[in-house]
């Protein structure tokens, strides 16, 4: 499957926002956003013009898409699913993105980034309700139990990532048993609970795709 293989910090610089694509590095002094580096390919002294309405909508879509590590076709299909659900399309979109298996594995601190979580799922290190699932986009439902496979519980990357639970805690819609390397997706998150998307305006994505 096609995927982005370039430097991920460049994506954060393009959006001028932390997309949390490199784990601990994003919270360190090495993060280019903390260093206030400009967008790639731009003269730092160049005058920045005012973005058009379309430009603002496009950039918001790109931020969300890149945070969750998705390509355009898959993201658009997820949006269309959100439209069919009824209710507020933007909030539905966030719920669908947050219930992807690779994202849930990341939220449970089994991986330090979503790309690392996607790799764990693809390589069959993760069980859902006791069964192996290797589809990163698998839709997790409330009550589903996600755990690390017994033979994978000593992986250094997983143990290191689980150390973050004591620092940052678990999301309100997820419960984690660190010792058992197991967690439960208790409910779909409410929009206001997804704090790292607090400054994201998903309504702009709805407007973009509704044209």
C-alpha atoms as a PDB file:
ATOM      1  CA  UNK A   1       0.000   0.000   0.000  1.00  0.00           C
ATOM      2  CA  UNK A   2       1.233   3.529  -0.772  1.00  0.00           C
ATOM      3  CA  UNK A   3       2.437   5.504   2.218  1.00  0.00           C
ATOM      4  CA  UNK A   4       4.450   8.615   3.042  1.00  0.00           C
ATOM      5  CA  UNK A   5       8.120   7.763   3.624  1.00  0.00           C
ATOM      6  CA  UNK A   6       9.639  11.239   3.843  1.00  0.00           C
ATOM      7  CA  UNK A   7      10.747  13.154   6.971  1.00  0.00           C
ATOM      8  CA  UNK A   8       7.698  13.514   9.211  1.00  0.00           C
ATOM      9  CA  UNK A   9       8.953  16.652  10.960  1.00  0.00           C
ATOM     10  CA  UNK A  10       8.613  18.343   7.585  1.00  0.00           C
ATOM     11  CA  UNK A  11       4.855  17.687   7.758  1.00  0.00           C
ATOM     12  CA  UNK A  12       4.629  19.471  11.111  1.00  0.00           C
ATOM     13  CA  UNK A  13       6.570  22.407   9.710  1.00  0.00           C
ATOM     14  CA  UNK A  14       4.240  22.552   6.703  1.00  0.00           C
ATOM     15  CA  UNK A  15       1.184  22.754   8.954  1.00  0.00           C
ATOM     16  CA  UNK A  16       2.958  24.851  11.614  1.00  0.00           C
ATOM     17  CA  UNK A  17       1.442  22.548  14.212  1.00  0.00           C
ATOM     18  CA  UNK A  18       2.608  19.574  16.250  1.00  0.00           C
ATOM     19  CA  UNK A  19       1.113  16.471  14.649  1.00  0.00           C
ATOM     20  CA  UNK A  20       2.778  14.138  17.197  1.00  0.00           C
ATOM     21  CA  UNK A  21       4.391  11.917  14.586  1.00  0.00           C
ATOM     22  CA  UNK A  22       7.678  11.184  16.398  1.00  0.00           C
ATOM     23  CA  UNK A  23       6.747  10.292  19.971  1.00  0.00           C
ATOM     24  CA  UNK A  24       9.017  11.777  22.653  1.00  0.00           C
ATOM     25  CA  UNK A  25      10.853  13.972  20.148  1.00  0.00           C
ATOM     26  CA  UNK A  26       7.665  16.025  19.757  1.00  0.00           C
ATOM     27  CA  UNK A  27       7.889  17.043  23.417  1.00  0.00           C
ATOM     28  CA  UNK A  28      11.626  17.749  23.356  1.00  0.00           C
ATOM     29  CA  UNK A  29      13.702  20.781  22.389  1.00  0.00           C
ATOM     30  CA  UNK A  30      14.529  19.025  19.099  1.00  0.00           C
ATOM     31  CA  UNK A  31      10.985  19.523  17.813  1.00  0.00           C
ATOM     32  CA  UNK A  32      11.095  22.039  14.905  1.00  0.00           C
ATOM     33  CA  UNK A  33       7.846  23.618  16.115  1.00  0.00           C
ATOM     34  CA  UNK A  34       9.426  24.312  19.521  1.00  0.00           C
ATOM     35  CA  UNK A  35      12.340  25.864  17.621  1.00  0.00           C
ATOM     36  CA  UNK A  36       9.808  27.987  15.706  1.00  0.00           C
ATOM     37  CA  UNK A  37      11.188  26.922  12.345  1.00  0.00           C
ATOM     38  CA  UNK A  38       9.251  28.123   9.314  1.00  0.00           C
ATOM     39  CA  UNK A  39       7.499  26.077   6.659  1.00  0.00           C
ATOM     40  CA  UNK A  40       9.832  24.084   4.382  1.00  0.00           C
ATOM     41  CA  UNK A  41      10.852  25.707   1.121  1.00  0.00           C
ATOM     42  CA  UNK A  42       9.909  29.186   2.332  1.00  0.00           C
ATOM     43  CA  UNK A  43      12.217  32.146   2.740  1.00  0.00           C
ATOM     44  CA  UNK A  44      11.881  33.068   6.454  1.00  0.00           C
ATOM     45  CA  UNK A  45      11.694  36.709   5.439  1.00  0.00           C
ATOM     46  CA  UNK A  46       9.116  36.156   2.721  1.00  0.00           C
ATOM     47  CA  UNK A  47       5.784  37.861   3.215  1.00  0.00           C
ATOM     48  CA  UNK A  48       3.017  35.402   4.038  1.00  0.00           C
ATOM     49  CA  UNK A  49      -0.138  36.171   2.098  1.00  0.00           C
ATOM     50  CA  UNK A  50      -3.634  35.775   3.435  1.00  0.00           C
ATOM     51  CA  UNK A  51      -5.033  32.281   2.832  1.00  0.00           C
ATOM     52  CA  UNK A  52      -8.202  31.883   0.802  1.00  0.00           C
ATOM     53  CA  UNK A  53     -11.258  30.115   2.217  1.00  0.00           C
ATOM     54  CA  UNK A  54     -10.329  27.016   0.219  1.00  0.00           C
ATOM     55  CA  UNK A  55      -6.742  27.239   1.481  1.00  0.00           C
ATOM     56  CA  UNK A  56      -7.880  27.270   5.107  1.00  0.00           C
ATOM     57  CA  UNK A  57     -10.189  24.295   4.543  1.00  0.00           C
ATOM     58  CA  UNK A  58      -7.479  22.329   2.750  1.00  0.00           C
ATOM     59  CA  UNK A  59      -4.880  22.918   5.457  1.00  0.00           C
ATOM     60  CA  UNK A  60      -7.317  21.790   8.182  1.00  0.00           C
ATOM     61  CA  UNK A  61      -8.034  18.585   6.258  1.00  0.00           C
ATOM     62  CA  UNK A  62      -4.330  17.946   5.760  1.00  0.00           C
ATOM     63  CA  UNK A  63      -3.625  18.394   9.479  1.00  0.00           C
ATOM     64  CA  UNK A  64      -6.177  15.774  10.526  1.00  0.00           C
ATOM     65  CA  UNK A  65      -5.277  13.372   7.723  1.00  0.00           C
ATOM     66  CA  UNK A  66      -1.582  13.541   8.548  1.00  0.00           C
ATOM     67  CA  UNK A  67      -2.085  13.208  12.296  1.00  0.00           C
ATOM     68  CA  UNK A  68      -3.897   9.913  11.788  1.00  0.00           C
ATOM     69  CA  UNK A  69      -1.479   8.762   9.074  1.00  0.00           C
ATOM     70  CA  UNK A  70      -4.053   8.303   6.319  1.00  0.00           C
ATOM     71  CA  UNK A  71      -3.972   8.761   2.563  1.00  0.00           C
ATOM     72  CA  UNK A  72      -6.579  10.817   0.726  1.00  0.00           C
ATOM     73  CA  UNK A  73      -8.819   8.000  -0.537  1.00  0.00           C
ATOM     74  CA  UNK A  74      -9.079   6.306   2.854  1.00  0.00           C
ATOM     75  CA  UNK A  75      -9.711   9.601   4.630  1.00  0.00           C
ATOM     76  CA  UNK A  76     -12.428  10.575   2.144  1.00  0.00           C
ATOM     77  CA  UNK A  77     -14.153   7.207   2.591  1.00  0.00           C
ATOM     78  CA  UNK A  78     -14.091   7.745   6.359  1.00  0.00           C
ATOM     79  CA  UNK A  79     -15.676  11.169   5.859  1.00  0.00           C
ATOM     80  CA  UNK A  80     -18.430   9.679   3.691  1.00  0.00           C
ATOM     81  CA  UNK A  81     -19.119   7.124   6.434  1.00  0.00           C
ATOM     82  CA  UNK A  82     -19.371   9.986   8.951  1.00  0.00           C
ATOM     83  CA  UNK A  83     -21.928  11.715   6.704  1.00  0.00           C
ATOM     84  CA  UNK A  84     -24.131   8.632   6.567  1.00  0.00           C
ATOM     85  CA  UNK A  85     -24.200   8.205  10.363  1.00  0.00           C
ATOM     86  CA  UNK A  86     -26.545  11.113  11.023  1.00  0.00           C
ATOM     87  CA  UNK A  87     -25.918  13.821  13.588  1.00  0.00           C
ATOM     88  CA  UNK A  88     -22.955  16.225  13.406  1.00  0.00           C
ATOM     89  CA  UNK A  89     -20.671  15.045  10.592  1.00  0.00           C
ATOM     90  CA  UNK A  90     -17.508  16.637  12.012  1.00  0.00           C
ATOM     91  CA  UNK A  91     -17.956  14.966  15.398  1.00  0.00           C
ATOM     92  CA  UNK A  92     -18.758  11.659  13.709  1.00  0.00           C
ATOM     93  CA  UNK A  93     -15.519  11.955  11.748  1.00  0.00           C
ATOM     94  CA  UNK A  94     -13.484  12.343  14.942  1.00  0.00           C
ATOM     95  CA  UNK A  95     -15.262   9.344  16.506  1.00  0.00           C
ATOM     96  CA  UNK A  96     -14.461   7.164  13.502  1.00  0.00           C
ATOM     97  CA  UNK A  97     -10.821   8.241  13.466  1.00  0.00           C
ATOM     98  CA  UNK A  98     -10.443   7.664  17.196  1.00  0.00           C
ATOM     99  CA  UNK A  99     -11.980   4.183  16.980  1.00  0.00           C
ATOM    100  CA  UNK A 100      -9.494   2.938  14.357  1.00  0.00           C
ATOM    101  CA  UNK A 101      -7.501   0.041  15.822  1.00  0.00           C
ATOM    102  CA  UNK A 102      -4.114   1.639  15.132  1.00  0.00           C
ATOM    103  CA  UNK A 103      -5.228   4.810  16.927  1.00  0.00           C
ATOM    104  CA  UNK A 104      -6.630   2.862  19.901  1.00  0.00           C
ATOM    105  CA  UNK A 105      -3.327   0.963  20.228  1.00  0.00           C
ATOM    106  CA  UNK A 106      -1.555   4.345  20.236  1.00  0.00           C
ATOM    107  CA  UNK A 107      -3.974   5.803  22.794  1.00  0.00           C
ATOM    108  CA  UNK A 108      -3.408   2.786  25.052  1.00  0.00           C
ATOM    109  CA  UNK A 109       0.346   3.557  24.999  1.00  0.00           C
ATOM    110  CA  UNK A 110       1.307   0.242  23.400  1.00  0.00           C
ATOM    111  CA  UNK A 111       3.121   2.400  20.813  1.00  0.00           C
ATOM    112  CA  UNK A 112       4.667   5.863  20.963  1.00  0.00           C
ATOM    113  CA  UNK A 113       3.298   6.962  17.573  1.00  0.00           C
ATOM    114  CA  UNK A 114       0.390   6.005  15.347  1.00  0.00           C
ATOM    115  CA  UNK A 115       2.773   4.733  12.669  1.00  0.00           C
ATOM    116  CA  UNK A 116       4.408   2.439  15.213  1.00  0.00           C
ATOM    117  CA  UNK A 117       0.939   1.293  16.327  1.00  0.00           C
ATOM    118  CA  UNK A 118       0.015   0.557  12.715  1.00  0.00           C
ATOM    119  CA  UNK A 119       3.115  -1.617  12.399  1.00  0.00           C
ATOM    120  CA  UNK A 120       2.266  -3.550  15.588  1.00  0.00           C
ATOM    121  CA  UNK A 121      -1.205  -4.284  14.237  1.00  0.00           C
ATOM    122  CA  UNK A 122       0.040  -5.259  10.769  1.00  0.00           C
ATOM    123  CA  UNK A 123       2.594  -7.660  12.270  1.00  0.00           C
ATOM    124  CA  UNK A 124      -0.078  -9.378  14.383  1.00  0.00           C
ATOM    125  CA  UNK A 125       1.185  -8.292  17.800  1.00  0.00           C
ATOM    126  CA  UNK A 126      -2.311  -7.103  18.837  1.00  0.00           C
ATOM    127  CA  UNK A 127      -5.439  -9.046  19.838  1.00  0.00           C
ATOM    128  CA  UNK A 128      -9.011  -7.751  19.815  1.00  0.00           C
ATOM    129  CA  UNK A 129     -11.311  -9.705  22.139  1.00  0.00           C
ATOM    130  CA  UNK A 130      -8.759 -12.514  22.152  1.00  0.00           C
ATOM    131  CA  UNK A 131      -8.468 -12.758  18.355  1.00  0.00           C
ATOM    132  CA  UNK A 132      -5.583 -11.583  16.186  1.00  0.00           C
ATOM    133  CA  UNK A 133      -6.453  -8.599  13.983  1.00  0.00           C
ATOM    134  CA  UNK A 134      -3.945  -7.224  11.483  1.00  0.00           C
ATOM    135  CA  UNK A 135      -6.069  -4.485   9.896  1.00  0.00           C
ATOM    136  CA  UNK A 136      -5.024  -1.011  11.176  1.00  0.00           C
ATOM    137  CA  UNK A 137      -8.338   0.545  10.076  1.00  0.00           C
ATOM    138  CA  UNK A 138     -10.408  -2.057  11.944  1.00  0.00           C
ATOM    139  CA  UNK A 139     -13.290  -0.267  13.710  1.00  0.00           C
ATOM    140  CA  UNK A 140     -13.094  -0.839  17.461  1.00  0.00           C
ATOM    141  CA  UNK A 141     -16.451  -0.823  19.276  1.00  0.00           C
ATOM    142  CA  UNK A 142     -17.268   0.170  22.872  1.00  0.00           C
ATOM    143  CA  UNK A 143     -16.545  -2.760  25.169  1.00  0.00           C
ATOM    144  CA  UNK A 144     -13.850  -4.258  22.932  1.00  0.00           C
ATOM    145  CA  UNK A 145     -10.739  -5.467  24.778  1.00  0.00           C
ATOM    146  CA  UNK A 146      -7.416  -4.716  23.098  1.00  0.00           C
ATOM    147  CA  UNK A 147      -4.269  -6.473  24.297  1.00  0.00           C
ATOM    148  CA  UNK A 148      -0.717  -7.279  23.334  1.00  0.00           C
ATOM    149  CA  UNK A 149      -0.208 -10.876  22.230  1.00  0.00           C
ATOM    150  CA  UNK A 150       1.493 -13.023  24.886  1.00  0.00           C
ATOM    151  CA  UNK A 151       4.599 -13.615  22.778  1.00  0.00           C
ATOM    152  CA  UNK A 152       5.052  -9.881  22.178  1.00  0.00           C
ATOM    153  CA  UNK A 153       4.776  -8.576  25.754  1.00  0.00           C
ATOM    154  CA  UNK A 154       8.537  -8.321  26.235  1.00  0.00           C
ATOM    155  CA  UNK A 155       9.110  -6.105  23.195  1.00  0.00           C
ATOM    156  CA  UNK A 156      11.253  -3.141  24.241  1.00  0.00           C
ATOM    157  CA  UNK A 157       9.262  -0.635  22.169  1.00  0.00           C
ATOM    158  CA  UNK A 158       5.996  -1.636  23.871  1.00  0.00           C
ATOM    159  CA  UNK A 159       7.480  -1.589  27.384  1.00  0.00           C
ATOM    160  CA  UNK A 160       9.036   1.828  26.764  1.00  0.00           C
ATOM    161  CA  UNK A 161       5.748   3.218  25.458  1.00  0.00           C
ATOM    162  CA  UNK A 162       3.790   1.876  28.435  1.00  0.00           C
ATOM    163  CA  UNK A 163       6.087   3.873  30.696  1.00  0.00           C
ATOM    164  CA  UNK A 164       4.271   6.985  29.463  1.00  0.00           C
ATOM    165  CA  UNK A 165       1.009   5.927  31.155  1.00  0.00           C
ATOM    166  CA  UNK A 166       2.320   7.037  34.548  1.00  0.00           C
ATOM    167  CA  UNK A 167       3.268  10.445  33.074  1.00  0.00           C
ATOM    168  CA  UNK A 168       0.306  11.331  30.893  1.00  0.00           C
ATOM    169  CA  UNK A 169      -2.380   8.882  32.078  1.00  0.00           C
ATOM    170  CA  UNK A 170      -5.108   7.313  29.960  1.00  0.00           C
ATOM    171  CA  UNK A 171      -7.779   8.961  27.860  1.00  0.00           C
ATOM    172  CA  UNK A 172     -11.213   9.199  29.579  1.00  0.00           C
ATOM    173  CA  UNK A 173     -12.807   6.765  27.122  1.00  0.00           C
ATOM    174  CA  UNK A 174     -10.104   4.108  27.587  1.00  0.00           C
ATOM    175  CA  UNK A 175      -9.089   1.979  30.569  1.00  0.00           C
ATOM    176  CA  UNK A 176      -5.634   0.358  30.719  1.00  0.00           C
ATOM    177  CA  UNK A 177      -4.116  -2.467  32.755  1.00  0.00           C
ATOM    178  CA  UNK A 178      -0.403  -1.760  32.319  1.00  0.00           C
ATOM    179  CA  UNK A 179       0.809  -4.987  33.936  1.00  0.00           C
ATOM    180  CA  UNK A 180      -1.439  -7.155  31.755  1.00  0.00           C
ATOM    181  CA  UNK A 181      -0.763  -4.957  28.684  1.00  0.00           C
ATOM    182  CA  UNK A 182      -4.483  -4.888  28.095  1.00  0.00           C
ATOM    183  CA  UNK A 183      -7.079  -2.153  27.730  1.00  0.00           C
ATOM    184  CA  UNK A 184     -10.777  -1.609  27.092  1.00  0.00           C
ATOM    185  CA  UNK A 185     -12.282   0.846  24.639  1.00  0.00           C
ATOM    186  CA  UNK A 186     -15.097   1.921  26.981  1.00  0.00           C
ATOM    187  CA  UNK A 187     -16.978   4.377  24.761  1.00  0.00           C
ATOM    188  CA  UNK A 188     -16.677   6.649  21.755  1.00  0.00           C
ATOM    189  CA  UNK A 189     -14.995   9.885  22.886  1.00  0.00           C
ATOM    190  CA  UNK A 190     -16.905  13.137  23.162  1.00  0.00           C
ATOM    191  CA  UNK A 191     -15.457  15.869  20.970  1.00  0.00           C
ATOM    192  CA  UNK A 192     -14.290  17.974  23.915  1.00  0.00           C
ATOM    193  CA  UNK A 193     -12.373  15.019  25.376  1.00  0.00           C
ATOM    194  CA  UNK A 194      -9.941  14.785  22.447  1.00  0.00           C
ATOM    195  CA  UNK A 195      -7.580  17.437  23.780  1.00  0.00           C
ATOM    196  CA  UNK A 196      -4.859  17.163  21.140  1.00  0.00           C
ATOM    197  CA  UNK A 197      -7.469  18.178  18.545  1.00  0.00           C
ATOM    198  CA  UNK A 198      -8.701  21.133  20.592  1.00  0.00           C
ATOM    199  CA  UNK A 199      -7.511  23.669  18.008  1.00  0.00           C
ATOM    200  CA  UNK A 200      -8.680  21.635  15.003  1.00  0.00           C
ATOM    201  CA  UNK A 201     -11.749  22.935  13.149  1.00  0.00           C
ATOM    202  CA  UNK A 202     -13.232  19.803  11.609  1.00  0.00           C
ATOM    203  CA  UNK A 203     -16.181  21.844  10.306  1.00  0.00           C
ATOM    204  CA  UNK A 204     -13.795  23.256   7.686  1.00  0.00           C
ATOM    205  CA  UNK A 205     -13.232  19.697   6.425  1.00  0.00           C
ATOM    206  CA  UNK A 206     -16.995  19.211   6.170  1.00  0.00           C
ATOM    207  CA  UNK A 207     -17.257  22.443   4.142  1.00  0.00           C
ATOM    208  CA  UNK A 208     -14.370  21.377   1.889  1.00  0.00           C
ATOM    209  CA  UNK A 209     -15.866  18.001   1.010  1.00  0.00           C
ATOM    210  CA  UNK A 210     -19.362  19.437   0.666  1.00  0.00           C
ATOM    211  CA  UNK A 211     -18.416  21.651  -2.306  1.00  0.00           C
END
